[in-house]
């Protein structure tokens, strides 16, 4: 029995005449933390959106959790995929508890089960349920709102979690703290698959079990952080790594 939970086979994507993805072939195993790294326009967010059917490929096959996206119920599929975005998208008129409970309510969970799940999730993401359950999004900081966004995405215990540059709008200290927390959360959650889009090479290398480096709709290298650093496969990957070395040189200059 295969351990693959996501598979792309010769996937291409066009918007009009503009081909943003040319020929994607990769697979992701259950439980992996994958980071997708690339500059704006590289195709990484389009790839993420194709995983949950928000974008459909122009050609090729996408298999998610043993379902071919061409002939599965996409609404049902999305209910079993957590999705965390940069803008968070919390409903301002709902309490934090109500925001987290949106999908469980749609699925008809009973009130006691929902209440218990909300409290468990708030605790998991480092927010005291007694203090935060009845607050509204505007009463939270950006970092706290992002934690709630993660809790909401985890509400139905999905096997797959998608993150679309969730920390890019946050200040550096909050961002670093959340990176640590999301990595620890993945280690604690049994067999969850995380697919995390970023344009920050340090974030990608820190978080990912494997890093998918994308450029102009193609995968330049899909490897462990160690392999990327020690054996860059293309000139583009080498250039990305050079930016890290430049930062190191800068810091050495000020010591």
C-alpha atoms as a PDB file:
ATOM      1  CA  UNK A   1       0.000   0.000   0.000  1.00  0.00           C
ATOM      2  CA  UNK A   2       1.369   3.374  -1.007  1.00  0.00           C
ATOM      3  CA  UNK A   3       2.330   5.980   1.571  1.00  0.00           C
ATOM      4  CA  UNK A   4       1.759   8.804  -0.932  1.00  0.00           C
ATOM      5  CA  UNK A   5      -0.922  11.310   0.022  1.00  0.00           C
ATOM      6  CA  UNK A   6      -0.359  13.888  -2.777  1.00  0.00           C
ATOM      7  CA  UNK A   7       0.805  13.119  -6.304  1.00  0.00           C
ATOM      8  CA  UNK A   8       1.156  15.327  -9.404  1.00  0.00           C
ATOM      9  CA  UNK A   9       1.611  13.593 -12.759  1.00  0.00           C
ATOM     10  CA  UNK A  10       2.547  15.780 -15.745  1.00  0.00           C
ATOM     11  CA  UNK A  11       0.479  18.692 -14.428  1.00  0.00           C
ATOM     12  CA  UNK A  12       0.327  21.932 -16.405  1.00  0.00           C
ATOM     13  CA  UNK A  13      -1.675  25.091 -15.756  1.00  0.00           C
ATOM     14  CA  UNK A  14      -2.479  28.004 -18.037  1.00  0.00           C
ATOM     15  CA  UNK A  15      -4.289  31.257 -17.319  1.00  0.00           C
ATOM     16  CA  UNK A  16      -5.399  32.272 -20.777  1.00  0.00           C
ATOM     17  CA  UNK A  17      -2.286  31.967 -22.929  1.00  0.00           C
ATOM     18  CA  UNK A  18       0.045  32.361 -19.960  1.00  0.00           C
ATOM     19  CA  UNK A  19       1.466  29.013 -18.836  1.00  0.00           C
ATOM     20  CA  UNK A  20       2.333  29.293 -15.145  1.00  0.00           C
ATOM     21  CA  UNK A  21       2.987  25.575 -14.576  1.00  0.00           C
ATOM     22  CA  UNK A  22       4.602  23.577 -17.370  1.00  0.00           C
ATOM     23  CA  UNK A  23       5.130  19.948 -16.286  1.00  0.00           C
ATOM     24  CA  UNK A  24       4.946  19.164 -12.565  1.00  0.00           C
ATOM     25  CA  UNK A  25       5.785  15.661 -11.376  1.00  0.00           C
ATOM     26  CA  UNK A  26       6.206  14.968  -7.679  1.00  0.00           C
ATOM     27  CA  UNK A  27       4.796  12.993  -4.780  1.00  0.00           C
ATOM     28  CA  UNK A  28       4.479  13.721  -1.057  1.00  0.00           C
ATOM     29  CA  UNK A  29       4.235  11.066   1.641  1.00  0.00           C
ATOM     30  CA  UNK A  30       1.902  11.076   4.626  1.00  0.00           C
ATOM     31  CA  UNK A  31       3.358  12.954   7.563  1.00  0.00           C
ATOM     32  CA  UNK A  32       5.876  15.037   5.625  1.00  0.00           C
ATOM     33  CA  UNK A  33       6.379  18.770   6.173  1.00  0.00           C
ATOM     34  CA  UNK A  34       6.972  20.163   2.679  1.00  0.00           C
ATOM     35  CA  UNK A  35       7.935  23.769   2.037  1.00  0.00           C
ATOM     36  CA  UNK A  36       7.466  25.240  -1.448  1.00  0.00           C
ATOM     37  CA  UNK A  37       9.973  28.014  -2.076  1.00  0.00           C
ATOM     38  CA  UNK A  38      10.113  30.478  -4.934  1.00  0.00           C
ATOM     39  CA  UNK A  39       9.835  34.102  -5.945  1.00  0.00           C
ATOM     40  CA  UNK A  40       6.595  35.768  -6.995  1.00  0.00           C
ATOM     41  CA  UNK A  41       5.245  34.132 -10.142  1.00  0.00           C
ATOM     42  CA  UNK A  42       7.138  30.871  -9.658  1.00  0.00           C
ATOM     43  CA  UNK A  43       3.905  28.841  -9.478  1.00  0.00           C
ATOM     44  CA  UNK A  44       4.070  27.774  -5.843  1.00  0.00           C
ATOM     45  CA  UNK A  45       0.692  29.222  -4.763  1.00  0.00           C
ATOM     46  CA  UNK A  46      -0.984  27.898  -7.923  1.00  0.00           C
ATOM     47  CA  UNK A  47       0.424  24.463  -7.037  1.00  0.00           C
ATOM     48  CA  UNK A  48      -1.020  24.737  -3.525  1.00  0.00           C
ATOM     49  CA  UNK A  49      -4.430  25.779  -4.866  1.00  0.00           C
ATOM     50  CA  UNK A  50      -4.484  22.823  -7.232  1.00  0.00           C
ATOM     51  CA  UNK A  51      -4.042  20.455  -4.269  1.00  0.00           C
ATOM     52  CA  UNK A  52      -7.483  21.374  -2.906  1.00  0.00           C
ATOM     53  CA  UNK A  53      -9.124  22.024  -6.259  1.00  0.00           C
ATOM     54  CA  UNK A  54      -9.304  25.814  -6.021  1.00  0.00           C
ATOM     55  CA  UNK A  55      -7.461  25.805  -9.343  1.00  0.00           C
ATOM     56  CA  UNK A  56      -7.889  23.044 -11.911  1.00  0.00           C
ATOM     57  CA  UNK A  57      -4.955  21.859 -14.039  1.00  0.00           C
ATOM     58  CA  UNK A  58      -4.997  22.441 -17.775  1.00  0.00           C
ATOM     59  CA  UNK A  59      -3.648  18.926 -18.159  1.00  0.00           C
ATOM     60  CA  UNK A  60      -2.278  16.118 -16.039  1.00  0.00           C
ATOM     61  CA  UNK A  61      -3.467  14.134 -13.033  1.00  0.00           C
ATOM     62  CA  UNK A  62      -3.613  15.154  -9.370  1.00  0.00           C
ATOM     63  CA  UNK A  63      -4.205  12.469  -6.740  1.00  0.00           C
ATOM     64  CA  UNK A  64      -4.971  13.631  -3.184  1.00  0.00           C
ATOM     65  CA  UNK A  65      -5.651  11.144  -0.392  1.00  0.00           C
ATOM     66  CA  UNK A  66      -6.203   8.397  -2.993  1.00  0.00           C
ATOM     67  CA  UNK A  67      -8.755  10.488  -4.905  1.00  0.00           C
ATOM     68  CA  UNK A  68      -8.312  11.746  -8.452  1.00  0.00           C
ATOM     69  CA  UNK A  69      -9.387  15.394  -8.408  1.00  0.00           C
ATOM     70  CA  UNK A  70     -10.928  15.042 -11.862  1.00  0.00           C
ATOM     71  CA  UNK A  71     -13.785  12.918 -10.563  1.00  0.00           C
ATOM     72  CA  UNK A  72     -14.116  13.505  -6.822  1.00  0.00           C
ATOM     73  CA  UNK A  73     -16.420  15.729  -4.760  1.00  0.00           C
ATOM     74  CA  UNK A  74     -14.257  18.832  -4.259  1.00  0.00           C
ATOM     75  CA  UNK A  75     -16.471  20.281  -1.510  1.00  0.00           C
ATOM     76  CA  UNK A  76     -16.083  17.109   0.528  1.00  0.00           C
ATOM     77  CA  UNK A  77     -12.344  17.005  -0.249  1.00  0.00           C
ATOM     78  CA  UNK A  78     -11.838  20.557   1.047  1.00  0.00           C
ATOM     79  CA  UNK A  79     -13.608  19.758   4.308  1.00  0.00           C
ATOM     80  CA  UNK A  80     -10.764  17.330   4.976  1.00  0.00           C
ATOM     81  CA  UNK A  81      -7.966  19.748   4.072  1.00  0.00           C
ATOM     82  CA  UNK A  82      -6.958  22.563   6.425  1.00  0.00           C
ATOM     83  CA  UNK A  83      -6.157  25.875   4.720  1.00  0.00           C
ATOM     84  CA  UNK A  84      -4.253  28.753   6.339  1.00  0.00           C
ATOM     85  CA  UNK A  85      -3.675  31.958   4.364  1.00  0.00           C
ATOM     86  CA  UNK A  86      -1.757  35.192   4.920  1.00  0.00           C
ATOM     87  CA  UNK A  87      -4.912  37.276   5.342  1.00  0.00           C
ATOM     88  CA  UNK A  88      -6.244  34.732   7.902  1.00  0.00           C
ATOM     89  CA  UNK A  89      -9.865  35.489   6.945  1.00  0.00           C
ATOM     90  CA  UNK A  90     -11.462  35.298  10.387  1.00  0.00           C
ATOM     91  CA  UNK A  91     -15.110  36.410  10.505  1.00  0.00           C
ATOM     92  CA  UNK A  92     -15.079  39.712  12.455  1.00  0.00           C
ATOM     93  CA  UNK A  93     -18.662  39.346  13.768  1.00  0.00           C
ATOM     94  CA  UNK A  94     -17.961  35.905  15.257  1.00  0.00           C
ATOM     95  CA  UNK A  95     -16.159  35.064  18.482  1.00  0.00           C
ATOM     96  CA  UNK A  96     -12.926  33.087  18.337  1.00  0.00           C
ATOM     97  CA  UNK A  97     -14.818  29.940  19.380  1.00  0.00           C
ATOM     98  CA  UNK A  98     -17.418  30.490  16.643  1.00  0.00           C
ATOM     99  CA  UNK A  99     -14.692  31.028  14.043  1.00  0.00           C
ATOM    100  CA  UNK A 100     -12.981  27.761  14.934  1.00  0.00           C
ATOM    101  CA  UNK A 101     -16.315  25.912  14.937  1.00  0.00           C
ATOM    102  CA  UNK A 102     -17.390  26.906  11.409  1.00  0.00           C
ATOM    103  CA  UNK A 103     -16.604  23.587   9.681  1.00  0.00           C
ATOM    104  CA  UNK A 104     -17.632  21.316  12.598  1.00  0.00           C
ATOM    105  CA  UNK A 105     -21.007  23.124  12.584  1.00  0.00           C
ATOM    106  CA  UNK A 106     -21.338  22.529   8.825  1.00  0.00           C
ATOM    107  CA  UNK A 107     -20.636  18.843   9.444  1.00  0.00           C
ATOM    108  CA  UNK A 108     -23.335  18.652  12.132  1.00  0.00           C
ATOM    109  CA  UNK A 109     -21.175  17.966  15.179  1.00  0.00           C
ATOM    110  CA  UNK A 110     -22.997  18.216  18.531  1.00  0.00           C
ATOM    111  CA  UNK A 111     -22.405  21.280  20.714  1.00  0.00           C
ATOM    112  CA  UNK A 112     -20.471  19.466  23.438  1.00  0.00           C
ATOM    113  CA  UNK A 113     -18.051  17.904  20.944  1.00  0.00           C
ATOM    114  CA  UNK A 114     -17.527  21.282  19.242  1.00  0.00           C
ATOM    115  CA  UNK A 115     -16.931  23.080  22.546  1.00  0.00           C
ATOM    116  CA  UNK A 116     -14.378  20.485  23.636  1.00  0.00           C
ATOM    117  CA  UNK A 117     -12.623  20.618  20.248  1.00  0.00           C
ATOM    118  CA  UNK A 118     -12.409  24.425  20.370  1.00  0.00           C
ATOM    119  CA  UNK A 119     -10.822  24.366  23.826  1.00  0.00           C
ATOM    120  CA  UNK A 120      -8.377  21.620  22.837  1.00  0.00           C
ATOM    121  CA  UNK A 121      -7.299  23.499  19.707  1.00  0.00           C
ATOM    122  CA  UNK A 122      -6.855  26.839  21.477  1.00  0.00           C
ATOM    123  CA  UNK A 123      -4.640  25.067  23.994  1.00  0.00           C
ATOM    124  CA  UNK A 124      -2.650  23.414  21.174  1.00  0.00           C
ATOM    125  CA  UNK A 125      -1.871  26.756  19.520  1.00  0.00           C
ATOM    126  CA  UNK A 126      -0.919  28.417  22.805  1.00  0.00           C
ATOM    127  CA  UNK A 127      -4.052  30.436  23.589  1.00  0.00           C
ATOM    128  CA  UNK A 128      -5.827  29.957  26.931  1.00  0.00           C
ATOM    129  CA  UNK A 129      -9.457  28.937  26.137  1.00  0.00           C
ATOM    130  CA  UNK A 130     -10.840  30.765  29.182  1.00  0.00           C
ATOM    131  CA  UNK A 131      -9.190  33.991  28.035  1.00  0.00           C
ATOM    132  CA  UNK A 132      -9.699  33.832  24.272  1.00  0.00           C
ATOM    133  CA  UNK A 133     -12.811  31.731  23.531  1.00  0.00           C
ATOM    134  CA  UNK A 134     -15.259  34.644  23.711  1.00  0.00           C
ATOM    135  CA  UNK A 135     -13.071  37.376  22.267  1.00  0.00           C
ATOM    136  CA  UNK A 136     -13.477  38.791  18.760  1.00  0.00           C
ATOM    137  CA  UNK A 137     -10.740  38.894  16.094  1.00  0.00           C
ATOM    138  CA  UNK A 138     -10.255  42.664  16.415  1.00  0.00           C
ATOM    139  CA  UNK A 139      -9.286  42.131  20.071  1.00  0.00           C
ATOM    140  CA  UNK A 140      -6.319  39.944  19.074  1.00  0.00           C
ATOM    141  CA  UNK A 141      -2.864  40.770  17.743  1.00  0.00           C
ATOM    142  CA  UNK A 142      -1.822  39.632  14.270  1.00  0.00           C
ATOM    143  CA  UNK A 143       0.125  36.717  15.699  1.00  0.00           C
ATOM    144  CA  UNK A 144      -2.805  35.633  17.876  1.00  0.00           C
ATOM    145  CA  UNK A 145      -5.177  35.838  14.898  1.00  0.00           C
ATOM    146  CA  UNK A 146      -2.817  33.645  12.894  1.00  0.00           C
ATOM    147  CA  UNK A 147      -2.848  31.079  15.710  1.00  0.00           C
ATOM    148  CA  UNK A 148      -6.651  31.066  15.562  1.00  0.00           C
ATOM    149  CA  UNK A 149      -6.427  30.582  11.795  1.00  0.00           C
ATOM    150  CA  UNK A 150      -4.299  27.482  12.356  1.00  0.00           C
ATOM    151  CA  UNK A 151      -6.717  26.205  15.016  1.00  0.00           C
ATOM    152  CA  UNK A 152      -9.669  26.684  12.653  1.00  0.00           C
ATOM    153  CA  UNK A 153      -7.853  24.802   9.895  1.00  0.00           C
ATOM    154  CA  UNK A 154      -7.240  21.920  12.305  1.00  0.00           C
ATOM    155  CA  UNK A 155     -10.844  21.821  13.557  1.00  0.00           C
ATOM    156  CA  UNK A 156     -11.907  18.622  11.773  1.00  0.00           C
ATOM    157  CA  UNK A 157      -8.539  16.886  12.231  1.00  0.00           C
ATOM    158  CA  UNK A 158      -7.668  16.966   8.494  1.00  0.00           C
ATOM    159  CA  UNK A 159      -4.876  14.722   7.177  1.00  0.00           C
ATOM    160  CA  UNK A 160      -3.517  17.567   5.006  1.00  0.00           C
ATOM    161  CA  UNK A 161      -2.755  21.175   5.980  1.00  0.00           C
ATOM    162  CA  UNK A 162      -2.023  23.861   3.372  1.00  0.00           C
ATOM    163  CA  UNK A 163      -0.281  27.110   4.341  1.00  0.00           C
ATOM    164  CA  UNK A 164      -0.078  29.972   1.827  1.00  0.00           C
ATOM    165  CA  UNK A 165       2.620  32.367   3.117  1.00  0.00           C
ATOM    166  CA  UNK A 166       0.788  32.609   6.463  1.00  0.00           C
ATOM    167  CA  UNK A 167       3.482  34.550   8.342  1.00  0.00           C
ATOM    168  CA  UNK A 168       4.694  36.996   5.680  1.00  0.00           C
ATOM    169  CA  UNK A 169       2.665  39.968   6.985  1.00  0.00           C
ATOM    170  CA  UNK A 170       3.880  39.565  10.582  1.00  0.00           C
ATOM    171  CA  UNK A 171       6.796  41.284  12.306  1.00  0.00           C
ATOM    172  CA  UNK A 172      10.092  39.390  12.465  1.00  0.00           C
ATOM    173  CA  UNK A 173       9.893  38.347  16.130  1.00  0.00           C
ATOM    174  CA  UNK A 174       6.287  37.099  15.917  1.00  0.00           C
ATOM    175  CA  UNK A 175       7.102  35.323  12.670  1.00  0.00           C
ATOM    176  CA  UNK A 176      10.072  33.512  14.191  1.00  0.00           C
ATOM    177  CA  UNK A 177       8.012  32.464  17.231  1.00  0.00           C
ATOM    178  CA  UNK A 178       5.234  31.099  15.014  1.00  0.00           C
ATOM    179  CA  UNK A 179       7.742  29.204  12.881  1.00  0.00           C
ATOM    180  CA  UNK A 180       8.950  27.447  16.026  1.00  0.00           C
ATOM    181  CA  UNK A 181       5.358  26.719  17.076  1.00  0.00           C
ATOM    182  CA  UNK A 182       4.217  25.377  13.709  1.00  0.00           C
ATOM    183  CA  UNK A 183       7.242  23.076  13.543  1.00  0.00           C
ATOM    184  CA  UNK A 184       6.551  21.777  17.068  1.00  0.00           C
ATOM    185  CA  UNK A 185       2.852  21.373  16.232  1.00  0.00           C
ATOM    186  CA  UNK A 186       3.666  19.238  13.196  1.00  0.00           C
ATOM    187  CA  UNK A 187       5.909  17.016  15.313  1.00  0.00           C
ATOM    188  CA  UNK A 188       3.118  16.553  17.879  1.00  0.00           C
ATOM    189  CA  UNK A 189       0.323  15.858  15.385  1.00  0.00           C
ATOM    190  CA  UNK A 190       0.303  12.230  14.320  1.00  0.00           C
ATOM    191  CA  UNK A 191       0.821  11.670  10.598  1.00  0.00           C
ATOM    192  CA  UNK A 192      -0.305  15.149   9.424  1.00  0.00           C
ATOM    193  CA  UNK A 193       0.997  16.315   6.051  1.00  0.00           C
ATOM    194  CA  UNK A 194       1.909  20.015   5.860  1.00  0.00           C
ATOM    195  CA  UNK A 195       2.432  21.882   2.549  1.00  0.00           C
ATOM    196  CA  UNK A 196       3.772  25.359   3.311  1.00  0.00           C
ATOM    197  CA  UNK A 197       4.328  28.041   0.641  1.00  0.00           C
ATOM    198  CA  UNK A 198       6.926  30.724   1.323  1.00  0.00           C
ATOM    199  CA  UNK A 199       9.287  33.101  -0.482  1.00  0.00           C
ATOM    200  CA  UNK A 200      11.676  33.149   2.498  1.00  0.00           C
ATOM    201  CA  UNK A 201      14.558  30.698   2.060  1.00  0.00           C
ATOM    202  CA  UNK A 202      15.424  30.658   5.767  1.00  0.00           C
ATOM    203  CA  UNK A 203      11.810  29.805   6.638  1.00  0.00           C
ATOM    204  CA  UNK A 204      11.735  27.067   3.991  1.00  0.00           C
ATOM    205  CA  UNK A 205      14.983  25.473   5.175  1.00  0.00           C
ATOM    206  CA  UNK A 206      14.016  25.670   8.862  1.00  0.00           C
ATOM    207  CA  UNK A 207      10.517  24.192   8.499  1.00  0.00           C
ATOM    208  CA  UNK A 208      10.711  21.675   5.680  1.00  0.00           C
ATOM    209  CA  UNK A 209      11.535  17.982   5.862  1.00  0.00           C
ATOM    210  CA  UNK A 210      11.928  18.546   2.123  1.00  0.00           C
ATOM    211  CA  UNK A 211      11.993  21.800   0.175  1.00  0.00           C
ATOM    212  CA  UNK A 212      10.454  22.210  -3.286  1.00  0.00           C
ATOM    213  CA  UNK A 213      12.303  25.030  -5.045  1.00  0.00           C
ATOM    214  CA  UNK A 214      10.161  26.429  -7.861  1.00  0.00           C
ATOM    215  CA  UNK A 215      11.088  28.837 -10.643  1.00  0.00           C
ATOM    216  CA  UNK A 216       8.957  29.858 -13.623  1.00  0.00           C
ATOM    217  CA  UNK A 217       6.508  27.005 -13.180  1.00  0.00           C
ATOM    218  CA  UNK A 218       9.090  24.268 -12.826  1.00  0.00           C
ATOM    219  CA  UNK A 219      10.672  22.429  -9.911  1.00  0.00           C
ATOM    220  CA  UNK A 220      14.379  23.243  -9.826  1.00  0.00           C
ATOM    221  CA  UNK A 221      15.080  20.885  -6.919  1.00  0.00           C
ATOM    222  CA  UNK A 222      12.982  18.909  -4.431  1.00  0.00           C
ATOM    223  CA  UNK A 223      15.217  17.741  -1.652  1.00  0.00           C
ATOM    224  CA  UNK A 224      16.075  17.850   2.037  1.00  0.00           C
ATOM    225  CA  UNK A 225      17.472  21.143   3.362  1.00  0.00           C
ATOM    226  CA  UNK A 226      20.843  19.421   3.818  1.00  0.00           C
ATOM    227  CA  UNK A 227      20.961  18.273   0.178  1.00  0.00           C
ATOM    228  CA  UNK A 228      19.921  21.709  -1.089  1.00  0.00           C
ATOM    229  CA  UNK A 229      22.717  23.356   0.866  1.00  0.00           C
ATOM    230  CA  UNK A 230      25.437  20.831   0.071  1.00  0.00           C
ATOM    231  CA  UNK A 231      24.365  19.776  -3.438  1.00  0.00           C
ATOM    232  CA  UNK A 232      22.419  22.578  -5.196  1.00  0.00           C
ATOM    233  CA  UNK A 233      21.120  21.111  -8.450  1.00  0.00           C
ATOM    234  CA  UNK A 234      20.832  24.271 -10.573  1.00  0.00           C
ATOM    235  CA  UNK A 235      22.224  27.771 -10.898  1.00  0.00           C
ATOM    236  CA  UNK A 236      18.931  29.201  -9.587  1.00  0.00           C
ATOM    237  CA  UNK A 237      19.193  27.160  -6.373  1.00  0.00           C
ATOM    238  CA  UNK A 238      22.810  28.293  -5.971  1.00  0.00           C
ATOM    239  CA  UNK A 239      21.714  31.924  -6.349  1.00  0.00           C
ATOM    240  CA  UNK A 240      19.071  31.465  -3.658  1.00  0.00           C
ATOM    241  CA  UNK A 241      21.632  29.985  -1.287  1.00  0.00           C
ATOM    242  CA  UNK A 242      23.999  32.860  -2.045  1.00  0.00           C
ATOM    243  CA  UNK A 243      21.462  35.260  -0.519  1.00  0.00           C
ATOM    244  CA  UNK A 244      21.787  33.355   2.774  1.00  0.00           C
ATOM    245  CA  UNK A 245      25.581  33.561   2.598  1.00  0.00           C
ATOM    246  CA  UNK A 246      25.366  37.308   1.884  1.00  0.00           C
ATOM    247  CA  UNK A 247      23.331  37.783   5.073  1.00  0.00           C
ATOM    248  CA  UNK A 248      25.897  35.778   7.033  1.00  0.00           C
ATOM    249  CA  UNK A 249      28.685  37.995   5.689  1.00  0.00           C
ATOM    250  CA  UNK A 250      26.696  41.092   6.655  1.00  0.00           C
ATOM    251  CA  UNK A 251      26.284  39.880  10.244  1.00  0.00           C
ATOM    252  CA  UNK A 252      29.975  38.983  10.473  1.00  0.00           C
ATOM    253  CA  UNK A 253      30.816  42.535   9.365  1.00  0.00           C
ATOM    254  CA  UNK A 254      29.009  44.010  12.389  1.00  0.00           C
ATOM    255  CA  UNK A 255      30.470  41.658  14.980  1.00  0.00           C
END
